[in-house]
């Protein structure tokens, strides 16, 4: 069985080939788990007030603060597998 990093990278590729686009909440969860798994806790300035999408992404990622990169990677892989079916 491939190591977690390889599974994570494969999941990142698989998510781009989904037949149906996930709902907004699922997309935010995917984004946040990917960022947490690849970069760790949220960093950088929060997007401006009128950048609604950027702010939503930033906030979703921020909610995962303190989650280990390994745990985020596992959750990301599991979510992508569920979506791929």
PDB file of N, CA and C in Angstrom:
ATOM      1  N   UNK A   1       0.852  -1.190   0.000  1.00  0.00           N
ATOM      2  CA  UNK A   1       0.000   0.000   0.000  1.00  0.00           C
ATOM      3  C   UNK A   1       0.896   1.251   0.000  1.00  0.00           C
ATOM      4  N   UNK A   2       0.575   2.222  -0.872  1.00  0.00           N
ATOM      5  CA  UNK A   2       1.406   3.426  -0.950  1.00  0.00           C
ATOM      6  C   UNK A   2       1.379   4.210   0.363  1.00  0.00           C
ATOM      7  N   UNK A   3       2.436   4.970   0.607  1.00  0.00           N
ATOM      8  CA  UNK A   3       2.473   5.759   1.823  1.00  0.00           C
ATOM      9  C   UNK A   3       1.462   6.907   1.752  1.00  0.00           C
ATOM     10  N   UNK A   4       1.251   7.547   2.881  1.00  0.00           N
ATOM     11  CA  UNK A   4       0.220   8.580   2.992  1.00  0.00           C
ATOM     12  C   UNK A   4       0.434   9.729   2.013  1.00  0.00           C
ATOM     13  N   UNK A   5       1.689  10.148   1.837  1.00  0.00           N
ATOM     14  CA  UNK A   5       1.970  11.249   0.902  1.00  0.00           C
ATOM     15  C   UNK A   5       1.562  10.880  -0.520  1.00  0.00           C
ATOM     16  N   UNK A   6       1.843   9.651  -0.921  1.00  0.00           N
ATOM     17  CA  UNK A   6       1.477   9.196  -2.266  1.00  0.00           C
ATOM     18  C   UNK A   6      -0.042   9.121  -2.413  1.00  0.00           C
ATOM     19  N   UNK A   7      -0.715   8.634  -1.382  1.00  0.00           N
ATOM     20  CA  UNK A   7      -2.185   8.575  -1.412  1.00  0.00           C
ATOM     21  C   UNK A   7      -2.772   9.978  -1.505  1.00  0.00           C
ATOM     22  N   UNK A   8      -2.179  10.912  -0.765  1.00  0.00           N
ATOM     23  CA  UNK A   8      -2.634  12.298  -0.752  1.00  0.00           C
ATOM     24  C   UNK A   8      -2.485  12.920  -2.137  1.00  0.00           C
ATOM     25  N   UNK A   9      -1.326  12.718  -2.754  1.00  0.00           N
ATOM     26  CA  UNK A   9      -1.093  13.264  -4.097  1.00  0.00           C
ATOM     27  C   UNK A   9      -2.039  12.635  -5.124  1.00  0.00           C
ATOM     28  N   UNK A  10      -2.286  11.338  -4.994  1.00  0.00           N
ATOM     29  CA  UNK A  10      -3.205  10.668  -5.917  1.00  0.00           C
ATOM     30  C   UNK A  10      -4.620  11.205  -5.736  1.00  0.00           C
ATOM     31  N   UNK A  11      -5.023  11.422  -4.494  1.00  0.00           N
ATOM     32  CA  UNK A  11      -6.355  11.963  -4.213  1.00  0.00           C
ATOM     33  C   UNK A  11      -6.498  13.354  -4.825  1.00  0.00           C
ATOM     34  N   UNK A  12      -5.427  14.152  -4.767  1.00  0.00           N
ATOM     35  CA  UNK A  12      -5.451  15.501  -5.348  1.00  0.00           C
ATOM     36  C   UNK A  12      -5.657  15.416  -6.862  1.00  0.00           C
ATOM     37  N   UNK A  13      -5.114  14.392  -7.495  1.00  0.00           N
ATOM     38  CA  UNK A  13      -5.322  14.198  -8.935  1.00  0.00           C
ATOM     39  C   UNK A  13      -6.739  13.677  -9.205  1.00  0.00           C
ATOM     40  N   UNK A  14      -7.174  12.719  -8.385  1.00  0.00           N
ATOM     41  CA  UNK A  14      -8.496  12.109  -8.573  1.00  0.00           C
ATOM     42  C   UNK A  14      -9.626  13.123  -8.439  1.00  0.00           C
ATOM     43  N   UNK A  15      -9.469  14.069  -7.524  1.00  0.00           N
ATOM     44  CA  UNK A  15     -10.535  15.035  -7.263  1.00  0.00           C
ATOM     45  C   UNK A  15     -10.788  15.911  -8.498  1.00  0.00           C
ATOM     46  N   UNK A  16      -9.774  16.090  -9.322  1.00  0.00           N
ATOM     47  CA  UNK A  16      -9.932  16.913 -10.527  1.00  0.00           C
ATOM     48  C   UNK A  16     -10.726  16.206 -11.613  1.00  0.00           C
ATOM     49  N   UNK A  17     -10.910  14.903 -11.482  1.00  0.00           N
ATOM     50  CA  UNK A  17     -11.623  14.155 -12.521  1.00  0.00           C
ATOM     51  C   UNK A  17     -12.999  13.676 -12.063  1.00  0.00           C
ATOM     52  N   UNK A  18     -13.535  14.304 -11.009  1.00  0.00           N
ATOM     53  CA  UNK A  18     -14.877  13.932 -10.552  1.00  0.00           C
ATOM     54  C   UNK A  18     -15.899  14.240 -11.643  1.00  0.00           C
ATOM     55  N   UNK A  19     -16.854  13.343 -11.813  1.00  0.00           N
ATOM     56  CA  UNK A  19     -17.893  13.528 -12.827  1.00  0.00           C
ATOM     57  C   UNK A  19     -18.815  14.676 -12.423  1.00  0.00           C
ATOM     58  N   UNK A  20     -19.241  14.671 -11.169  1.00  0.00           N
ATOM     59  CA  UNK A  20     -20.133  15.727 -10.676  1.00  0.00           C
ATOM     60  C   UNK A  20     -19.362  16.656  -9.754  1.00  0.00           C
ATOM     61  N   UNK A  21     -19.628  17.947  -9.883  1.00  0.00           N
ATOM     62  CA  UNK A  21     -18.990  18.939  -9.013  1.00  0.00           C
ATOM     63  C   UNK A  21     -19.640  18.850  -7.631  1.00  0.00           C
ATOM     64  N   UNK A  22     -18.831  18.695  -6.576  1.00  0.00           N
ATOM     65  CA  UNK A  22     -19.404  18.635  -5.220  1.00  0.00           C
ATOM     66  C   UNK A  22     -20.063  19.961  -4.834  1.00  0.00           C
ATOM     67  N   UNK A  23     -20.919  19.922  -3.815  1.00  0.00           N
ATOM     68  CA  UNK A  23     -21.565  21.146  -3.338  1.00  0.00           C
ATOM     69  C   UNK A  23     -20.520  22.054  -2.681  1.00  0.00           C
ATOM     70  N   UNK A  24     -20.912  23.291  -2.451  1.00  0.00           N
ATOM     71  CA  UNK A  24     -19.975  24.298  -1.932  1.00  0.00           C
ATOM     72  C   UNK A  24     -19.333  23.893  -0.602  1.00  0.00           C
ATOM     73  N   UNK A  25     -20.134  23.331   0.314  1.00  0.00           N
ATOM     74  CA  UNK A  25     -19.579  22.929   1.613  1.00  0.00           C
ATOM     75  C   UNK A  25     -18.517  21.852   1.456  1.00  0.00           C
ATOM     76  N   UNK A  26     -18.762  20.902   0.560  1.00  0.00           N
ATOM     77  CA  UNK A  26     -17.793  19.830   0.315  1.00  0.00           C
ATOM     78  C   UNK A  26     -16.531  20.400  -0.334  1.00  0.00           C
ATOM     79  N   UNK A  27     -16.721  21.335  -1.269  1.00  0.00           N
ATOM     80  CA  UNK A  27     -15.559  21.972  -1.911  1.00  0.00           C
ATOM     81  C   UNK A  27     -14.699  22.709  -0.881  1.00  0.00           C
ATOM     82  N   UNK A  28     -15.345  23.412   0.042  1.00  0.00           N
ATOM     83  CA  UNK A  28     -14.607  24.124   1.089  1.00  0.00           C
ATOM     84  C   UNK A  28     -13.863  23.138   1.982  1.00  0.00           C
ATOM     85  N   UNK A  29     -14.524  22.010   2.300  1.00  0.00           N
ATOM     86  CA  UNK A  29     -13.886  21.000   3.137  1.00  0.00           C
ATOM     87  C   UNK A  29     -12.667  20.408   2.422  1.00  0.00           C
ATOM     88  N   UNK A  30     -12.816  20.127   1.123  1.00  0.00           N
ATOM     89  CA  UNK A  30     -11.695  19.608   0.332  1.00  0.00           C
ATOM     90  C   UNK A  30     -10.535  20.601   0.325  1.00  0.00           C
ATOM     91  N   UNK A  31     -10.859  21.854   0.076  1.00  0.00           N
ATOM     92  CA  UNK A  31      -9.839  22.900   0.034  1.00  0.00           C
ATOM     93  C   UNK A  31      -9.099  22.981   1.373  1.00  0.00           C
ATOM     94  N   UNK A  32      -9.867  23.064   2.456  1.00  0.00           N
ATOM     95  CA  UNK A  32      -9.270  23.229   3.782  1.00  0.00           C
ATOM     96  C   UNK A  32      -8.403  22.030   4.153  1.00  0.00           C
ATOM     97  N   UNK A  33      -8.893  20.827   3.900  1.00  0.00           N
ATOM     98  CA  UNK A  33      -8.106  19.632   4.231  1.00  0.00           C
ATOM     99  C   UNK A  33      -6.842  19.559   3.388  1.00  0.00           C
ATOM    100  N   UNK A  34      -6.953  19.941   2.112  1.00  0.00           N
ATOM    101  CA  UNK A  34      -5.770  19.920   1.246  1.00  0.00           C
ATOM    102  C   UNK A  34      -4.723  20.917   1.759  1.00  0.00           C
ATOM    103  N   UNK A  35      -5.170  22.136   2.056  1.00  0.00           N
ATOM    104  CA  UNK A  35      -4.235  23.164   2.524  1.00  0.00           C
ATOM    105  C   UNK A  35      -3.607  22.765   3.867  1.00  0.00           C
ATOM    106  N   UNK A  36      -4.421  22.229   4.769  1.00  0.00           N
ATOM    107  CA  UNK A  36      -3.903  21.818   6.076  1.00  0.00           C
ATOM    108  C   UNK A  36      -2.912  20.663   5.908  1.00  0.00           C
ATOM    109  N   UNK A  37      -3.239  19.741   5.011  1.00  0.00           N
ATOM    110  CA  UNK A  37      -2.367  18.594   4.778  1.00  0.00           C
ATOM    111  C   UNK A  37      -1.081  18.963   4.070  1.00  0.00           C
ATOM    112  N   UNK A  38      -1.123  19.972   3.221  1.00  0.00           N
ATOM    113  CA  UNK A  38       0.070  20.336   2.459  1.00  0.00           C
ATOM    114  C   UNK A  38       0.887  21.454   3.107  1.00  0.00           C
ATOM    115  N   UNK A  39       0.232  22.365   3.836  1.00  0.00           N
ATOM    116  CA  UNK A  39       0.944  23.517   4.389  1.00  0.00           C
ATOM    117  C   UNK A  39       0.877  23.647   5.910  1.00  0.00           C
ATOM    118  N   UNK A  40      -0.036  22.936   6.551  1.00  0.00           N
ATOM    119  CA  UNK A  40      -0.206  23.088   8.001  1.00  0.00           C
ATOM    120  C   UNK A  40      -1.205  24.198   8.307  1.00  0.00           C
ATOM    121  N   UNK A  41      -1.103  24.750   9.498  1.00  0.00           N
ATOM    122  CA  UNK A  41      -2.068  25.771   9.927  1.00  0.00           C
ATOM    123  C   UNK A  41      -2.111  26.969   8.987  1.00  0.00           C
ATOM    124  N   UNK A  42      -3.290  27.589   8.930  1.00  0.00           N
ATOM    125  CA  UNK A  42      -3.519  28.744   8.067  1.00  0.00           C
ATOM    126  C   UNK A  42      -2.466  29.820   8.334  1.00  0.00           C
ATOM    127  N   UNK A  43      -2.046  30.479   7.258  1.00  0.00           N
ATOM    128  CA  UNK A  43      -1.058  31.539   7.389  1.00  0.00           C
ATOM    129  C   UNK A  43      -1.366  32.641   6.389  1.00  0.00           C
ATOM    130  N   UNK A  44      -0.744  33.769   6.576  1.00  0.00           N
ATOM    131  CA  UNK A  44      -0.973  34.896   5.681  1.00  0.00           C
ATOM    132  C   UNK A  44      -2.168  35.721   6.127  1.00  0.00           C
ATOM    133  N   UNK A  45      -2.297  36.897   5.534  1.00  0.00           N
ATOM    134  CA  UNK A  45      -3.403  37.783   5.916  1.00  0.00           C
ATOM    135  C   UNK A  45      -4.751  37.264   5.397  1.00  0.00           C
ATOM    136  N   UNK A  46      -5.795  37.547   6.166  1.00  0.00           N
ATOM    137  CA  UNK A  46      -7.137  37.161   5.741  1.00  0.00           C
ATOM    138  C   UNK A  46      -7.532  38.024   4.544  1.00  0.00           C
ATOM    139  N   UNK A  47      -8.183  37.410   3.540  1.00  0.00           N
ATOM    140  CA  UNK A  47      -8.618  38.193   2.366  1.00  0.00           C
ATOM    141  C   UNK A  47      -9.549  39.339   2.760  1.00  0.00           C
ATOM    142  N   UNK A  48      -9.649  40.320   1.887  1.00  0.00           N
ATOM    143  CA  UNK A  48     -10.484  41.488   2.133  1.00  0.00           C
ATOM    144  C   UNK A  48     -11.965  41.146   2.278  1.00  0.00           C
ATOM    145  N   UNK A  49     -12.699  42.060   2.869  1.00  0.00           N
ATOM    146  CA  UNK A  49     -14.123  41.860   3.169  1.00  0.00           C
ATOM    147  C   UNK A  49     -14.931  41.470   1.944  1.00  0.00           C
ATOM    148  N   UNK A  50     -14.636  42.037   0.792  1.00  0.00           N
ATOM    149  CA  UNK A  50     -15.442  41.777  -0.399  1.00  0.00           C
ATOM    150  C   UNK A  50     -14.988  40.562  -1.200  1.00  0.00           C
ATOM    151  N   UNK A  51     -13.925  39.916  -0.736  1.00  0.00           N
ATOM    152  CA  UNK A  51     -13.471  38.675  -1.365  1.00  0.00           C
ATOM    153  C   UNK A  51     -14.169  37.522  -0.648  1.00  0.00           C
ATOM    154  N   UNK A  52     -15.439  37.301  -1.012  1.00  0.00           N
ATOM    155  CA  UNK A  52     -16.264  36.324  -0.296  1.00  0.00           C
ATOM    156  C   UNK A  52     -15.728  34.904  -0.419  1.00  0.00           C
ATOM    157  N   UNK A  53     -15.314  34.522  -1.608  1.00  0.00           N
ATOM    158  CA  UNK A  53     -14.789  33.165  -1.815  1.00  0.00           C
ATOM    159  C   UNK A  53     -13.475  32.991  -1.052  1.00  0.00           C
ATOM    160  N   UNK A  54     -12.588  33.960  -1.184  1.00  0.00           N
ATOM    161  CA  UNK A  54     -11.311  33.894  -0.474  1.00  0.00           C
ATOM    162  C   UNK A  54     -11.489  33.833   1.033  1.00  0.00           C
ATOM    163  N   UNK A  55     -12.423  34.629   1.540  1.00  0.00           N
ATOM    164  CA  UNK A  55     -12.690  34.650   2.970  1.00  0.00           C
ATOM    165  C   UNK A  55     -13.258  33.309   3.435  1.00  0.00           C
ATOM    166  N   UNK A  56     -14.176  32.737   2.658  1.00  0.00           N
ATOM    167  CA  UNK A  56     -14.764  31.440   3.010  1.00  0.00           C
ATOM    168  C   UNK A  56     -13.687  30.356   3.049  1.00  0.00           C
ATOM    169  N   UNK A  57     -12.787  30.376   2.061  1.00  0.00           N
ATOM    170  CA  UNK A  57     -11.692  29.399   2.029  1.00  0.00           C
ATOM    171  C   UNK A  57     -10.772  29.582   3.233  1.00  0.00           C
ATOM    172  N   UNK A  58     -10.415  30.814   3.511  1.00  0.00           N
ATOM    173  CA  UNK A  58      -9.529  31.126   4.631  1.00  0.00           C
ATOM    174  C   UNK A  58     -10.150  30.662   5.949  1.00  0.00           C
ATOM    175  N   UNK A  59     -11.427  30.958   6.129  1.00  0.00           N
ATOM    176  CA  UNK A  59     -12.119  30.574   7.365  1.00  0.00           C
ATOM    177  C   UNK A  59     -12.224  29.056   7.499  1.00  0.00           C
ATOM    178  N   UNK A  60     -12.522  28.358   6.384  1.00  0.00           N
ATOM    179  CA  UNK A  60     -12.625  26.896   6.423  1.00  0.00           C
ATOM    180  C   UNK A  60     -11.275  26.287   6.808  1.00  0.00           C
ATOM    181  N   UNK A  61     -10.205  26.815   6.240  1.00  0.00           N
ATOM    182  CA  UNK A  61      -8.863  26.332   6.565  1.00  0.00           C
ATOM    183  C   UNK A  61      -8.535  26.652   8.024  1.00  0.00           C
ATOM    184  N   UNK A  62      -8.897  27.849   8.461  1.00  0.00           N
ATOM    185  CA  UNK A  62      -8.621  28.274   9.835  1.00  0.00           C
ATOM    186  C   UNK A  62      -9.276  27.391  10.881  1.00  0.00           C
ATOM    187  N   UNK A  63     -10.431  26.827  10.548  1.00  0.00           N
ATOM    188  CA  UNK A  63     -11.141  25.946  11.485  1.00  0.00           C
ATOM    189  C   UNK A  63     -10.349  24.664  11.755  1.00  0.00           C
ATOM    190  N   UNK A  64      -9.418  24.340  10.880  1.00  0.00           N
ATOM    191  CA  UNK A  64      -8.615  23.123  11.056  1.00  0.00           C
ATOM    192  C   UNK A  64      -7.308  23.379  11.810  1.00  0.00           C
ATOM    193  N   UNK A  65      -7.104  24.600  12.265  1.00  0.00           N
ATOM    194  CA  UNK A  65      -5.868  24.931  12.991  1.00  0.00           C
ATOM    195  C   UNK A  65      -5.659  23.945  14.136  1.00  0.00           C
ATOM    196  N   UNK A  66      -4.434  23.447  14.240  1.00  0.00           N
ATOM    197  CA  UNK A  66      -4.120  22.484  15.287  1.00  0.00           C
ATOM    198  C   UNK A  66      -4.241  21.036  14.827  1.00  0.00           C
ATOM    199  N   UNK A  67      -4.905  20.818  13.687  1.00  0.00           N
ATOM    200  CA  UNK A  67      -5.005  19.473  13.130  1.00  0.00           C
ATOM    201  C   UNK A  67      -3.649  19.140  12.506  1.00  0.00           C
ATOM    202  N   UNK A  68      -3.152  17.949  12.797  1.00  0.00           N
ATOM    203  CA  UNK A  68      -1.849  17.586  12.230  1.00  0.00           C
ATOM    204  C   UNK A  68      -1.970  17.442  10.718  1.00  0.00           C
ATOM    205  N   UNK A  69      -0.863  17.658  10.041  1.00  0.00           N
ATOM    206  CA  UNK A  69      -0.863  17.512   8.586  1.00  0.00           C
ATOM    207  C   UNK A  69      -1.241  16.083   8.213  1.00  0.00           C
ATOM    208  N   UNK A  70      -0.729  15.116   8.972  1.00  0.00           N
ATOM    209  CA  UNK A  70      -1.024  13.704   8.696  1.00  0.00           C
ATOM    210  C   UNK A  70      -2.524  13.425   8.812  1.00  0.00           C
ATOM    211  N   UNK A  71      -3.144  13.931   9.870  1.00  0.00           N
ATOM    212  CA  UNK A  71      -4.584  13.719  10.072  1.00  0.00           C
ATOM    213  C   UNK A  71      -5.386  14.377   8.944  1.00  0.00           C
ATOM    214  N   UNK A  72      -4.995  15.583   8.558  1.00  0.00           N
ATOM    215  CA  UNK A  72      -5.691  16.269   7.463  1.00  0.00           C
ATOM    216  C   UNK A  72      -5.545  15.484   6.157  1.00  0.00           C
ATOM    217  N   UNK A  73      -4.364  14.937   5.916  1.00  0.00           N
ATOM    218  CA  UNK A  73      -4.143  14.148   4.705  1.00  0.00           C
ATOM    219  C   UNK A  73      -5.036  12.912   4.695  1.00  0.00           C
ATOM    220  N   UNK A  74      -5.137  12.230   5.836  1.00  0.00           N
ATOM    221  CA  UNK A  74      -5.982  11.036   5.938  1.00  0.00           C
ATOM    222  C   UNK A  74      -7.444  11.389   5.650  1.00  0.00           C
ATOM    223  N   UNK A  75      -7.913  12.490   6.233  1.00  0.00           N
ATOM    224  CA  UNK A  75      -9.306  12.899   6.034  1.00  0.00           C
ATOM    225  C   UNK A  75      -9.555  13.316   4.584  1.00  0.00           C
ATOM    226  N   UNK A  76      -8.585  13.978   3.977  1.00  0.00           N
ATOM    227  CA  UNK A  76      -8.701  14.392   2.574  1.00  0.00           C
ATOM    228  C   UNK A  76      -8.812  13.167   1.672  1.00  0.00           C
ATOM    229  N   UNK A  77      -7.918  12.205   1.870  1.00  0.00           N
ATOM    230  CA  UNK A  77      -7.922  10.974   1.066  1.00  0.00           C
ATOM    231  C   UNK A  77      -9.263  10.246   1.225  1.00  0.00           C
ATOM    232  N   UNK A  78      -9.747  10.138   2.461  1.00  0.00           N
ATOM    233  CA  UNK A  78     -11.026   9.451   2.712  1.00  0.00           C
ATOM    234  C   UNK A  78     -12.189  10.173   2.031  1.00  0.00           C
ATOM    235  N   UNK A  79     -12.207  11.499   2.098  1.00  0.00           N
ATOM    236  CA  UNK A  79     -13.290  12.264   1.475  1.00  0.00           C
ATOM    237  C   UNK A  79     -13.264  12.118  -0.038  1.00  0.00           C
ATOM    238  N   UNK A  80     -12.090  12.206  -0.644  1.00  0.00           N
ATOM    239  CA  UNK A  80     -11.986  12.050  -2.092  1.00  0.00           C
ATOM    240  C   UNK A  80     -12.435  10.664  -2.512  1.00  0.00           C
ATOM    241  N   UNK A  81     -12.028   9.637  -1.777  1.00  0.00           N
ATOM    242  CA  UNK A  81     -12.437   8.264  -2.103  1.00  0.00           C
ATOM    243  C   UNK A  81     -13.958   8.125  -2.055  1.00  0.00           C
ATOM    244  N   UNK A  82     -14.553   8.763  -1.060  1.00  0.00           N
ATOM    245  CA  UNK A  82     -16.015   8.727  -0.930  1.00  0.00           C
ATOM    246  C   UNK A  82     -16.683   9.395  -2.135  1.00  0.00           C
ATOM    247  N   UNK A  83     -16.127  10.521  -2.583  1.00  0.00           N
ATOM    248  CA  UNK A  83     -16.693  11.257  -3.711  1.00  0.00           C
ATOM    249  C   UNK A  83     -16.483  10.516  -5.034  1.00  0.00           C
ATOM    250  N   UNK A  84     -15.324   9.876  -5.173  1.00  0.00           N
ATOM    251  CA  UNK A  84     -15.029   9.142  -6.420  1.00  0.00           C
ATOM    252  C   UNK A  84     -15.928   7.904  -6.498  1.00  0.00           C
ATOM    253  N   UNK A  85     -16.190   7.306  -5.345  1.00  0.00           N
ATOM    254  CA  UNK A  85     -17.097   6.163  -5.293  1.00  0.00           C
ATOM    255  C   UNK A  85     -16.480   4.854  -5.492  1.00  0.00           C
TER     256      UNK A  85
END
